[in-house]
Amino acid sequence: MAAYTWPVSLPQNVRQDFQTARALNILSTPMDLGSPKRRRRGLGVEQLKVGFYMTTAQIATLETFVQSTIKGTARFDFAHPVTGATVEVRILPQSDGQLYTVSYHSPTLWLVDMMLEVVP
């Protein structure tokens, strides 16, 4: 279990456009003749693309949680959207370094998107 937990004051259910991906960790070795030999080294890390509807107050809570509590890097416990089991995750920065994005939805509602990595 992680030292921190996703705050209960933030949404506990993700939006319907949730996605998950997990790749195999495969090692490929070239051969003198023929196709390369491949072997499985284990499962890759599962990534969760999650989104939430949040109020302005919840955005402030999220900002405090990410910047002050986990400092953008610490692991935290989160309910897996598919299994419901508590898993240990950390936020994956996007290619531009952002930890999450906030988009306008309505005057009192915002869309928040982030990538989480399930820690093995």
N, C-alpha and C. Protein backbone atom coordinates (compact mmCIF):
# COMPACT_ATOMS: atom_id res chain seq x y z
N MET A 1 0.83 -1.18 0.00
CA MET A 1 0.00 0.00 0.00
C MET A 1 0.87 1.24 0.00
N ALA A 2 0.39 2.23 -0.72
CA ALA A 2 1.13 3.48 -0.81
C ALA A 2 0.88 4.33 0.43
N ALA A 3 1.72 5.32 0.61
CA ALA A 3 1.59 6.21 1.77
C ALA A 3 0.42 7.19 1.58
N TYR A 4 -0.01 7.40 0.35
CA TYR A 4 -1.08 8.36 0.06
C TYR A 4 -2.23 7.65 -0.62
N THR A 5 -3.40 8.29 -0.57
CA THR A 5 -4.61 7.75 -1.19
C THR A 5 -5.29 8.85 -1.98
N TRP A 6 -5.89 8.49 -3.12
CA TRP A 6 -6.68 9.43 -3.91
C TRP A 6 -7.74 10.03 -2.99
N PRO A 7 -7.81 11.37 -2.89
CA PRO A 7 -8.74 12.00 -1.94
C PRO A 7 -10.20 11.61 -2.17
N VAL A 8 -10.90 11.37 -1.07
CA VAL A 8 -12.32 10.99 -1.16
C VAL A 8 -13.18 12.14 -1.65
N SER A 9 -12.70 13.37 -1.52
CA SER A 9 -13.46 14.52 -1.99
C SER A 9 -13.38 14.70 -3.50
N LEU A 10 -12.50 13.93 -4.15
CA LEU A 10 -12.41 13.95 -5.62
C LEU A 10 -13.27 12.83 -6.18
N PRO A 11 -13.68 12.92 -7.46
CA PRO A 11 -14.52 11.87 -8.04
C PRO A 11 -13.85 10.50 -7.93
N GLN A 12 -14.65 9.49 -7.61
CA GLN A 12 -14.13 8.13 -7.47
C GLN A 12 -14.37 7.30 -8.72
N ASN A 13 -15.20 7.80 -9.62
CA ASN A 13 -15.50 7.09 -10.87
C ASN A 13 -14.97 7.89 -12.05
N VAL A 14 -14.35 7.19 -12.99
CA VAL A 14 -13.80 7.84 -14.18
C VAL A 14 -14.90 8.04 -15.22
N ARG A 15 -14.60 8.91 -16.20
CA ARG A 15 -15.53 9.11 -17.31
C ARG A 15 -15.61 7.86 -18.18
N GLN A 16 -16.59 7.82 -19.07
CA GLN A 16 -16.82 6.66 -19.92
C GLN A 16 -15.71 6.44 -20.95
N ASP A 17 -14.91 7.46 -21.25
CA ASP A 17 -13.87 7.31 -22.26
C ASP A 17 -12.56 6.75 -21.69
N PHE A 18 -12.66 6.09 -20.55
CA PHE A 18 -11.51 5.45 -19.90
C PHE A 18 -10.85 4.44 -20.85
N GLN A 19 -9.51 4.37 -20.80
CA GLN A 19 -8.77 3.38 -21.59
C GLN A 19 -7.66 2.77 -20.73
N THR A 20 -7.37 1.51 -20.99
CA THR A 20 -6.26 0.85 -20.33
C THR A 20 -5.43 0.13 -21.37
N ALA A 21 -4.13 0.05 -21.13
CA ALA A 21 -3.23 -0.64 -22.06
C ALA A 21 -2.12 -1.31 -21.26
N ARG A 22 -1.76 -2.49 -21.71
CA ARG A 22 -0.65 -3.20 -21.10
C ARG A 22 0.05 -3.96 -22.22
N ALA A 23 1.33 -3.79 -22.30
CA ALA A 23 2.11 -4.48 -23.32
C ALA A 23 2.94 -5.56 -22.67
N LEU A 24 3.32 -6.53 -23.46
CA LEU A 24 4.26 -7.54 -22.98
C LEU A 24 5.66 -6.97 -23.08
N ASN A 25 6.49 -7.36 -22.18
CA ASN A 25 7.89 -6.97 -22.22
C ASN A 25 8.60 -8.10 -22.95
N ILE A 26 8.90 -7.89 -24.25
CA ILE A 26 9.46 -8.93 -25.10
C ILE A 26 10.89 -8.57 -25.49
N LEU A 27 11.76 -9.54 -25.38
CA LEU A 27 13.15 -9.37 -25.79
C LEU A 27 13.32 -10.04 -27.15
N SER A 28 13.88 -9.32 -28.12
CA SER A 28 14.09 -9.84 -29.45
C SER A 28 15.59 -9.94 -29.72
N THR A 29 16.03 -11.12 -30.13
CA THR A 29 17.46 -11.36 -30.39
C THR A 29 17.64 -11.72 -31.86
N PRO A 30 18.44 -10.93 -32.60
CA PRO A 30 18.66 -11.26 -34.02
C PRO A 30 19.47 -12.56 -34.16
N MET A 31 19.18 -13.32 -35.19
CA MET A 31 19.88 -14.57 -35.49
C MET A 31 20.72 -14.38 -36.75
N ASP A 32 21.72 -15.23 -36.95
CA ASP A 32 22.53 -15.17 -38.17
C ASP A 32 21.67 -15.42 -39.40
N LEU A 33 20.76 -16.37 -39.30
CA LEU A 33 19.84 -16.69 -40.39
C LEU A 33 18.42 -16.73 -39.85
N GLY A 34 17.50 -16.26 -40.66
CA GLY A 34 16.10 -16.35 -40.30
C GLY A 34 15.63 -15.19 -39.43
N SER A 35 14.42 -15.35 -38.97
CA SER A 35 13.79 -14.29 -38.18
C SER A 35 14.37 -14.26 -36.76
N PRO A 36 14.25 -13.11 -36.10
CA PRO A 36 14.78 -13.00 -34.73
C PRO A 36 14.03 -13.92 -33.76
N LYS A 37 14.74 -14.37 -32.75
CA LYS A 37 14.12 -15.14 -31.67
C LYS A 37 13.52 -14.15 -30.69
N ARG A 38 12.36 -14.48 -30.19
CA ARG A 38 11.69 -13.60 -29.23
C ARG A 38 11.30 -14.41 -28.01
N ARG A 39 11.44 -13.74 -26.86
CA ARG A 39 11.02 -14.39 -25.63
C ARG A 39 10.38 -13.35 -24.72
N ARG A 40 9.47 -13.84 -23.96
CA ARG A 40 8.75 -12.99 -23.02
C ARG A 40 9.61 -12.77 -21.78
N ARG A 41 9.72 -11.50 -21.38
CA ARG A 41 10.44 -11.18 -20.15
C ARG A 41 9.48 -10.85 -19.02
N GLY A 42 8.21 -10.80 -19.32
CA GLY A 42 7.22 -10.49 -18.30
C GLY A 42 6.19 -9.52 -18.83
N LEU A 43 5.28 -9.14 -17.98
CA LEU A 43 4.27 -8.16 -18.37
C LEU A 43 4.81 -6.75 -18.26
N GLY A 44 4.41 -5.92 -19.18
CA GLY A 44 4.76 -4.52 -19.09
C GLY A 44 3.87 -3.83 -18.07
N VAL A 45 4.14 -2.59 -17.82
CA VAL A 45 3.37 -1.82 -16.85
C VAL A 45 2.02 -1.44 -17.46
N GLU A 46 0.96 -1.57 -16.67
CA GLU A 46 -0.37 -1.18 -17.14
C GLU A 46 -0.51 0.33 -17.02
N GLN A 47 -1.03 0.94 -18.08
CA GLN A 47 -1.29 2.37 -18.08
C GLN A 47 -2.79 2.61 -18.16
N LEU A 48 -3.26 3.58 -17.38
CA LEU A 48 -4.67 3.93 -17.33
C LEU A 48 -4.84 5.36 -17.83
N LYS A 49 -5.63 5.54 -18.86
CA LYS A 49 -5.97 6.89 -19.31
C LYS A 49 -7.32 7.21 -18.67
N VAL A 50 -7.30 8.09 -17.68
CA VAL A 50 -8.51 8.37 -16.92
C VAL A 50 -8.93 9.83 -17.10
N GLY A 51 -10.21 10.04 -16.98
CA GLY A 51 -10.76 11.38 -17.04
C GLY A 51 -11.87 11.52 -16.02
N PHE A 52 -12.04 12.72 -15.52
CA PHE A 52 -13.04 12.99 -14.50
C PHE A 52 -13.78 14.27 -14.82
N TYR A 53 -15.01 14.37 -14.34
CA TYR A 53 -15.73 15.64 -14.29
C TYR A 53 -15.49 16.20 -12.91
N MET A 54 -14.99 17.44 -12.82
CA MET A 54 -14.71 18.04 -11.52
C MET A 54 -15.25 19.46 -11.45
N THR A 55 -15.64 19.83 -10.23
CA THR A 55 -16.07 21.20 -9.97
C THR A 55 -14.82 22.06 -9.78
N THR A 56 -15.01 23.36 -9.71
CA THR A 56 -13.89 24.26 -9.48
C THR A 56 -13.22 23.97 -8.14
N ALA A 57 -14.01 23.67 -7.11
CA ALA A 57 -13.46 23.34 -5.80
C ALA A 57 -12.65 22.05 -5.86
N GLN A 58 -13.12 21.07 -6.62
CA GLN A 58 -12.39 19.81 -6.74
C GLN A 58 -11.07 20.00 -7.50
N ILE A 59 -11.06 20.93 -8.45
CA ILE A 59 -9.82 21.25 -9.17
C ILE A 59 -8.78 21.77 -8.17
N ALA A 60 -9.20 22.62 -7.25
CA ALA A 60 -8.29 23.14 -6.22
C ALA A 60 -7.77 22.01 -5.34
N THR A 61 -8.65 21.06 -4.98
CA THR A 61 -8.23 19.91 -4.19
C THR A 61 -7.22 19.06 -4.95
N LEU A 62 -7.48 18.84 -6.24
CA LEU A 62 -6.56 18.08 -7.08
C LEU A 62 -5.20 18.76 -7.15
N GLU A 63 -5.20 20.07 -7.34
CA GLU A 63 -3.95 20.83 -7.41
C GLU A 63 -3.14 20.67 -6.12
N THR A 64 -3.80 20.77 -4.99
CA THR A 64 -3.12 20.59 -3.70
C THR A 64 -2.58 19.18 -3.55
N PHE A 65 -3.40 18.19 -3.92
CA PHE A 65 -2.97 16.80 -3.82
C PHE A 65 -1.73 16.54 -4.68
N VAL A 66 -1.76 17.00 -5.93
CA VAL A 66 -0.66 16.73 -6.85
C VAL A 66 0.59 17.53 -6.49
N GLN A 67 0.44 18.82 -6.21
CA GLN A 67 1.60 19.68 -5.99
C GLN A 67 2.19 19.56 -4.58
N SER A 68 1.33 19.48 -3.57
CA SER A 68 1.81 19.51 -2.19
C SER A 68 1.91 18.12 -1.54
N THR A 69 0.92 17.27 -1.80
CA THR A 69 0.90 15.97 -1.14
C THR A 69 1.85 14.97 -1.80
N ILE A 70 1.59 14.68 -3.08
CA ILE A 70 2.44 13.69 -3.76
C ILE A 70 3.59 14.33 -4.52
N LYS A 71 3.60 15.65 -4.57
CA LYS A 71 4.68 16.41 -5.23
C LYS A 71 4.91 15.93 -6.66
N GLY A 72 3.84 15.48 -7.30
CA GLY A 72 3.89 15.07 -8.70
C GLY A 72 4.53 13.73 -8.97
N THR A 73 5.15 13.12 -7.97
CA THR A 73 5.90 11.89 -8.23
C THR A 73 5.55 10.71 -7.33
N ALA A 74 5.03 10.95 -6.15
CA ALA A 74 4.80 9.85 -5.20
C ALA A 74 3.68 8.93 -5.66
N ARG A 75 3.73 7.71 -5.21
CA ARG A 75 2.70 6.72 -5.50
C ARG A 75 1.50 6.97 -4.58
N PHE A 76 0.34 6.57 -5.07
CA PHE A 76 -0.86 6.67 -4.23
C PHE A 76 -1.82 5.54 -4.58
N ASP A 77 -2.70 5.22 -3.64
CA ASP A 77 -3.69 4.17 -3.84
C ASP A 77 -4.88 4.74 -4.60
N PHE A 78 -5.39 3.92 -5.53
CA PHE A 78 -6.46 4.35 -6.42
C PHE A 78 -7.30 3.12 -6.75
N ALA A 79 -8.61 3.29 -6.85
CA ALA A 79 -9.49 2.18 -7.21
C ALA A 79 -9.41 1.94 -8.71
N HIS A 80 -9.00 0.74 -9.11
CA HIS A 80 -8.87 0.41 -10.53
C HIS A 80 -10.26 0.49 -11.17
N PRO A 81 -10.40 1.24 -12.28
CA PRO A 81 -11.72 1.42 -12.90
C PRO A 81 -12.39 0.14 -13.40
N VAL A 82 -11.62 -0.88 -13.74
CA VAL A 82 -12.19 -2.12 -14.25
C VAL A 82 -12.48 -3.10 -13.13
N THR A 83 -11.48 -3.36 -12.30
CA THR A 83 -11.62 -4.40 -11.27
C THR A 83 -12.20 -3.88 -9.96
N GLY A 84 -12.04 -2.58 -9.70
CA GLY A 84 -12.48 -2.02 -8.43
C GLY A 84 -11.48 -2.25 -7.31
N ALA A 85 -10.45 -3.04 -7.57
CA ALA A 85 -9.42 -3.32 -6.56
C ALA A 85 -8.56 -2.08 -6.35
N THR A 86 -8.05 -1.92 -5.14
CA THR A 86 -7.14 -0.82 -4.86
C THR A 86 -5.77 -1.17 -5.42
N VAL A 87 -5.26 -0.28 -6.28
CA VAL A 87 -3.95 -0.48 -6.88
C VAL A 87 -3.08 0.73 -6.56
N GLU A 88 -1.78 0.51 -6.60
CA GLU A 88 -0.83 1.59 -6.37
C GLU A 88 -0.47 2.18 -7.73
N VAL A 89 -0.64 3.51 -7.87
CA VAL A 89 -0.38 4.17 -9.15
C VAL A 89 0.49 5.41 -8.93
N ARG A 90 0.99 5.92 -10.02
CA ARG A 90 1.63 7.24 -10.02
C ARG A 90 1.22 7.92 -11.31
N ILE A 91 1.26 9.24 -11.31
CA ILE A 91 0.87 10.01 -12.48
C ILE A 91 2.01 10.00 -13.49
N LEU A 92 1.67 9.70 -14.74
CA LEU A 92 2.66 9.73 -15.82
C LEU A 92 2.62 11.09 -16.49
N PRO A 93 3.73 11.81 -16.50
CA PRO A 93 3.74 13.09 -17.21
C PRO A 93 3.55 12.86 -18.71
N GLN A 94 2.84 13.78 -19.34
CA GLN A 94 2.67 13.71 -20.79
C GLN A 94 3.96 14.14 -21.48
N SER A 95 4.00 14.07 -22.80
CA SER A 95 5.22 14.40 -23.54
C SER A 95 5.68 15.82 -23.30
N ASP A 96 4.76 16.72 -22.99
CA ASP A 96 5.12 18.11 -22.72
C ASP A 96 5.36 18.38 -21.23
N GLY A 97 5.36 17.32 -20.41
CA GLY A 97 5.65 17.45 -18.99
C GLY A 97 4.44 17.70 -18.11
N GLN A 98 3.27 17.89 -18.70
CA GLN A 98 2.07 18.14 -17.90
C GLN A 98 1.64 16.87 -17.17
N LEU A 99 1.22 17.04 -15.93
CA LEU A 99 0.73 15.91 -15.14
C LEU A 99 -0.74 15.62 -15.40
N TYR A 100 -1.50 16.65 -15.74
CA TYR A 100 -2.91 16.49 -16.08
C TYR A 100 -3.36 17.72 -16.86
N THR A 101 -4.48 17.59 -17.54
CA THR A 101 -5.04 18.72 -18.27
C THR A 101 -6.44 19.00 -17.76
N VAL A 102 -6.81 20.26 -17.77
CA VAL A 102 -8.13 20.70 -17.36
C VAL A 102 -8.76 21.44 -18.54
N SER A 103 -9.96 21.01 -18.93
CA SER A 103 -10.68 21.62 -20.05
C SER A 103 -12.06 22.07 -19.59
N TYR A 104 -12.54 23.14 -20.20
CA TYR A 104 -13.87 23.68 -19.87
C TYR A 104 -14.95 22.74 -20.37
N HIS A 105 -15.95 22.49 -19.53
CA HIS A 105 -17.12 21.70 -19.93
C HIS A 105 -18.39 22.53 -19.80
N SER A 106 -18.56 23.20 -18.67
CA SER A 106 -19.71 24.09 -18.43
C SER A 106 -19.28 25.08 -17.35
N PRO A 107 -20.12 26.08 -17.05
CA PRO A 107 -19.68 27.09 -16.06
C PRO A 107 -19.23 26.54 -14.71
N THR A 108 -19.75 25.41 -14.29
CA THR A 108 -19.35 24.87 -12.98
C THR A 108 -18.68 23.51 -13.06
N LEU A 109 -18.39 23.05 -14.27
CA LEU A 109 -17.84 21.71 -14.44
C LEU A 109 -16.65 21.73 -15.40
N TRP A 110 -15.62 20.98 -15.05
CA TRP A 110 -14.39 20.91 -15.84
C TRP A 110 -14.08 19.45 -16.16
N LEU A 111 -13.39 19.22 -17.28
CA LEU A 111 -12.92 17.89 -17.65
C LEU A 111 -11.44 17.79 -17.28
N VAL A 112 -11.09 16.79 -16.53
CA VAL A 112 -9.70 16.57 -16.12
C VAL A 112 -9.25 15.24 -16.71
N ASP A 113 -8.12 15.25 -17.40
CA ASP A 113 -7.56 14.04 -18.00
C ASP A 113 -6.14 13.83 -17.50
N MET A 114 -5.79 12.57 -17.26
CA MET A 114 -4.42 12.23 -16.84
C MET A 114 -4.12 10.78 -17.18
N MET A 115 -2.85 10.47 -17.19
CA MET A 115 -2.38 9.10 -17.39
C MET A 115 -1.81 8.60 -16.07
N LEU A 116 -2.22 7.41 -15.69
CA LEU A 116 -1.72 6.78 -14.48
C LEU A 116 -0.98 5.51 -14.86
N GLU A 117 0.05 5.19 -14.11
CA GLU A 117 0.81 3.97 -14.31
C GLU A 117 0.63 3.11 -13.08
N VAL A 118 0.14 1.88 -13.28
CA VAL A 118 -0.03 0.95 -12.17
C VAL A 118 1.35 0.41 -11.81
N VAL A 119 1.73 0.62 -10.56
CA VAL A 119 3.06 0.21 -10.11
C VAL A 119 3.04 -1.28 -9.79
N PRO A 120 3.94 -2.05 -10.41
CA PRO A 120 3.93 -3.51 -10.15
C PRO A 120 4.35 -3.85 -8.73
